[in-house]
Amino acid sequence: MAAPNQKITTPTIAGIKKALMLLQEEMDQRRKDINARLAQKKSVSAEDEVWLDEAGNLVDEVVLVESLAAAPDLNEAVKNLNEHQRGVYAHLIGKIQPSVSKKRKCLEAKKAATDDGRNKKRAPVEPPVFMKKEVATLKQRIEVLDWYHWNGKNQSKTAKHFTVIYPNLKIKQPLVSAWIKDKQK
């Protein structure tokens, strides 16, 4: 249940009706299964009986949506809900919010996947701490060359990637090119 003084954002009446439809679709399949067992005169578990009386019973939700639809001012009607109605309202609104956030997450994932490094508004990265120039070990060379082959065979990107990881190696594109030629021998 929602607290009486809890702030709840008010969507449109169309959004609330859509949430009710989603909730009804979710409940429909289980209700049909239980009703089919009852029609065949098979026993129904106590858990299913309780579900039909409580969670599977959407009368409160339907009455709430009808009263909100009939109200002249939706915001005022939401403010005047009692504690039980607020809980029902919050339950309905909970059906709207996840669908929006899933879309948003999907769009953000696509955007991140298509980002090819041209984004100019990146957070500033602290420069690597350079102590003293070192010679790469065999293990480091193998790691660099493996990354080069797995990520599009771009020597400049490989050098840029490993400059952050191994700042003391001072990896530049010509060095990566030389390692590739040495590997072929």
Protein backbone atom coordinates (compact mmCIF):
# COMPACT_ATOMS: atom_id res chain seq x y z
CA MET A 1 0.00 0.00 0.00
CA ALA A 2 1.12 3.52 -0.71
CA ALA A 3 1.43 5.96 2.14
CA PRO A 4 -1.30 8.64 2.20
CA ASN A 5 1.19 11.47 1.80
CA GLN A 6 3.26 9.72 -0.88
CA LYS A 7 3.72 11.76 -4.06
CA ILE A 8 2.41 9.99 -7.12
CA THR A 9 2.79 11.43 -10.60
CA THR A 10 -0.47 11.74 -12.49
CA PRO A 11 -0.54 10.27 -15.98
CA THR A 12 -3.40 10.87 -18.40
CA ILE A 13 -6.63 8.93 -18.12
CA ALA A 14 -5.67 7.12 -21.34
CA GLY A 15 -2.46 5.95 -19.66
CA ILE A 16 -4.39 4.71 -16.64
CA LYS A 17 -6.84 2.82 -18.87
CA LYS A 18 -3.90 1.29 -20.74
CA ALA A 19 -2.41 0.15 -17.42
CA LEU A 20 -5.74 -1.47 -16.52
CA MET A 21 -5.80 -3.27 -19.88
CA LEU A 22 -2.25 -4.56 -19.31
CA LEU A 23 -3.22 -5.78 -15.86
CA GLN A 24 -6.33 -7.51 -17.21
CA GLU A 25 -4.28 -9.25 -19.92
CA GLU A 26 -1.81 -10.50 -17.29
CA MET A 27 -4.59 -11.91 -15.12
CA ASP A 28 -6.65 -13.35 -18.00
CA GLN A 29 -4.60 -16.49 -18.68
CA ARG A 30 -4.48 -17.70 -15.09
CA ARG A 31 -8.16 -16.88 -14.59
CA LYS A 32 -9.04 -18.87 -17.75
CA ASP A 33 -7.05 -21.88 -16.51
CA ILE A 34 -8.80 -21.83 -13.13
CA ASN A 35 -12.24 -21.37 -14.71
CA ALA A 36 -11.58 -24.27 -17.10
CA ARG A 37 -10.75 -26.54 -14.14
CA LEU A 38 -13.90 -25.39 -12.38
CA ALA A 39 -15.98 -26.05 -15.51
CA GLN A 40 -14.61 -29.60 -15.63
CA LYS A 41 -15.55 -29.94 -11.95
CA LYS A 42 -11.93 -30.46 -10.92
CA SER A 43 -10.66 -29.22 -7.58
CA VAL A 44 -8.95 -25.86 -7.31
CA SER A 45 -6.15 -25.28 -4.82
CA ALA A 46 -6.63 -22.96 -1.87
CA GLU A 47 -3.92 -20.73 -3.31
CA ASP A 48 -5.91 -20.33 -6.55
CA GLU A 49 -9.08 -19.53 -4.60
CA VAL A 50 -7.28 -16.82 -2.64
CA TRP A 51 -5.78 -15.47 -5.87
CA LEU A 52 -9.23 -15.27 -7.50
CA ASP A 53 -10.62 -13.39 -4.50
CA GLU A 54 -7.71 -10.99 -4.07
CA ALA A 55 -5.03 -10.45 -6.75
CA GLY A 56 -7.07 -11.87 -9.63
CA ASN A 57 -10.07 -9.73 -8.74
CA LEU A 58 -9.75 -6.41 -10.57
CA VAL A 59 -13.03 -4.86 -9.39
CA ASP A 60 -11.25 -2.21 -7.31
CA GLU A 61 -9.08 -1.22 -10.26
CA VAL A 62 -12.06 -1.00 -12.66
CA VAL A 63 -14.10 1.10 -10.20
CA LEU A 64 -11.13 3.42 -9.61
CA VAL A 65 -10.51 3.94 -13.34
CA GLU A 66 -14.21 4.64 -13.95
CA SER A 67 -14.34 7.17 -11.11
CA LEU A 68 -11.16 8.91 -12.34
CA ALA A 69 -12.51 9.00 -15.90
CA ALA A 70 -15.75 10.59 -14.66
CA ALA A 71 -13.94 13.23 -12.60
CA PRO A 72 -13.71 16.70 -14.18
CA ASP A 73 -10.15 17.25 -12.88
CA LEU A 74 -7.89 14.19 -12.78
CA ASN A 75 -5.23 15.77 -10.54
CA GLU A 76 -7.81 16.83 -7.98
CA ALA A 77 -9.46 13.39 -8.07
CA VAL A 78 -6.10 11.71 -7.42
CA LYS A 79 -5.44 14.01 -4.46
CA ASN A 80 -8.79 13.06 -2.93
CA LEU A 81 -8.22 9.27 -3.04
CA ASN A 82 -8.36 7.38 0.26
CA GLU A 83 -5.52 5.12 1.40
CA HIS A 84 -6.89 1.94 -0.20
CA GLN A 85 -7.58 3.74 -3.49
CA ARG A 86 -4.07 5.21 -3.45
CA GLY A 87 -2.65 1.70 -3.16
CA VAL A 88 -4.76 0.53 -6.11
CA TYR A 89 -3.75 3.65 -8.06
CA ALA A 90 -0.05 3.07 -7.30
CA HIS A 91 -0.44 -0.55 -8.46
CA LEU A 92 -1.92 0.65 -11.77
CA ILE A 93 0.75 3.31 -12.23
CA GLY A 94 3.39 0.65 -11.57
CA LYS A 95 2.20 -1.06 -14.75
CA ILE A 96 2.85 2.09 -16.78
CA GLN A 97 6.29 3.02 -15.42
CA PRO A 98 8.19 -0.25 -16.18
CA SER A 99 7.09 -0.23 -19.81
CA VAL A 100 8.42 3.30 -20.26
CA SER A 101 11.71 2.53 -18.56
CA LYS A 102 12.20 -0.62 -20.65
CA LYS A 103 11.85 1.44 -23.81
CA ARG A 104 14.24 4.03 -22.46
CA LYS A 105 16.76 1.35 -21.50
CA CYS A 106 16.48 -0.20 -24.95
CA LEU A 107 17.08 3.15 -26.65
CA GLU A 108 20.06 3.86 -24.40
CA ALA A 109 21.54 0.44 -25.13
CA LYS A 110 21.19 0.99 -28.88
CA LYS A 111 22.73 4.43 -28.58
CA ALA A 112 25.70 3.07 -26.62
CA ALA A 113 26.18 0.24 -29.12
CA THR A 114 26.25 2.61 -32.09
CA ASP A 115 28.56 5.14 -30.45
CA ASP A 116 31.80 5.04 -32.41
CA GLY A 117 33.86 7.39 -30.31
CA ARG A 118 32.69 10.63 -31.94
CA ASN A 119 30.85 11.83 -28.85
CA LYS A 120 32.46 15.13 -27.85
CA LYS A 121 30.74 15.48 -24.48
CA ARG A 122 32.58 12.74 -22.64
CA ALA A 123 33.71 13.08 -19.08
CA PRO A 124 37.35 14.12 -18.88
CA VAL A 125 39.60 11.12 -18.32
CA GLU A 126 42.52 11.54 -15.98
CA PRO A 127 45.77 11.21 -17.89
CA PRO A 128 47.72 8.04 -17.14
CA VAL A 129 50.61 8.36 -14.77
CA PHE A 130 53.85 8.04 -16.70
CA MET A 131 56.83 6.96 -14.65
CA LYS A 132 59.53 5.67 -16.97
CA LYS A 133 59.48 4.26 -20.48
CA GLU A 134 59.53 0.46 -20.47
CA VAL A 135 59.88 -2.29 -23.05
CA ALA A 136 56.81 -4.44 -23.60
CA THR A 137 56.89 -8.01 -22.35
CA LEU A 138 55.88 -10.89 -24.61
CA LYS A 139 52.60 -11.22 -22.71
CA GLN A 140 51.81 -7.52 -23.27
CA ARG A 141 52.60 -7.78 -26.99
CA ILE A 142 50.33 -10.80 -27.33
CA GLU A 143 47.54 -8.96 -25.52
CA VAL A 144 47.90 -5.92 -27.80
CA LEU A 145 47.98 -8.02 -30.97
CA ASP A 146 45.00 -10.11 -29.88
CA TRP A 147 43.01 -6.96 -29.18
CA TYR A 148 44.07 -5.59 -32.58
CA HIS A 149 42.76 -8.69 -34.39
CA TRP A 150 39.53 -8.90 -32.39
CA ASN A 151 38.58 -5.21 -32.74
CA GLY A 152 38.70 -4.44 -36.43
CA LYS A 153 42.44 -4.39 -37.20
CA ASN A 154 42.80 -0.66 -36.63
CA GLN A 155 46.32 0.18 -35.47
CA SER A 156 45.49 3.70 -34.27
CA LYS A 157 42.57 2.53 -32.11
CA THR A 158 44.72 -0.27 -30.71
CA ALA A 159 47.48 2.18 -29.77
CA LYS A 160 44.99 4.59 -28.22
CA HIS A 161 43.32 1.79 -26.23
CA PHE A 162 46.55 0.46 -24.76
CA THR A 163 48.10 3.87 -24.05
CA VAL A 164 45.62 4.13 -21.19
CA ILE A 165 46.28 0.60 -19.94
CA TYR A 166 50.07 0.60 -20.31
CA PRO A 167 51.19 4.27 -20.17
CA ASN A 168 54.84 3.37 -19.61
CA LEU A 169 55.07 1.48 -22.91
CA LYS A 170 54.32 4.68 -24.88
CA ILE A 171 52.42 2.68 -27.51
CA LYS A 172 51.85 4.57 -30.77
CA GLN A 173 50.59 3.39 -34.16
CA PRO A 174 54.08 2.80 -35.65
CA LEU A 175 54.98 0.53 -32.72
CA VAL A 176 51.82 -1.54 -33.24
CA SER A 177 52.64 -1.73 -36.95
CA ALA A 178 56.17 -2.97 -36.17
CA TRP A 179 54.80 -5.65 -33.81
CA ILE A 180 52.40 -6.85 -36.51
CA LYS A 181 55.27 -7.13 -39.03
CA ASP A 182 57.45 -8.96 -36.45
CA LYS A 183 54.62 -11.38 -35.77
CA GLN A 184 54.40 -12.32 -39.45
CA LYS A 185 58.08 -13.38 -39.53
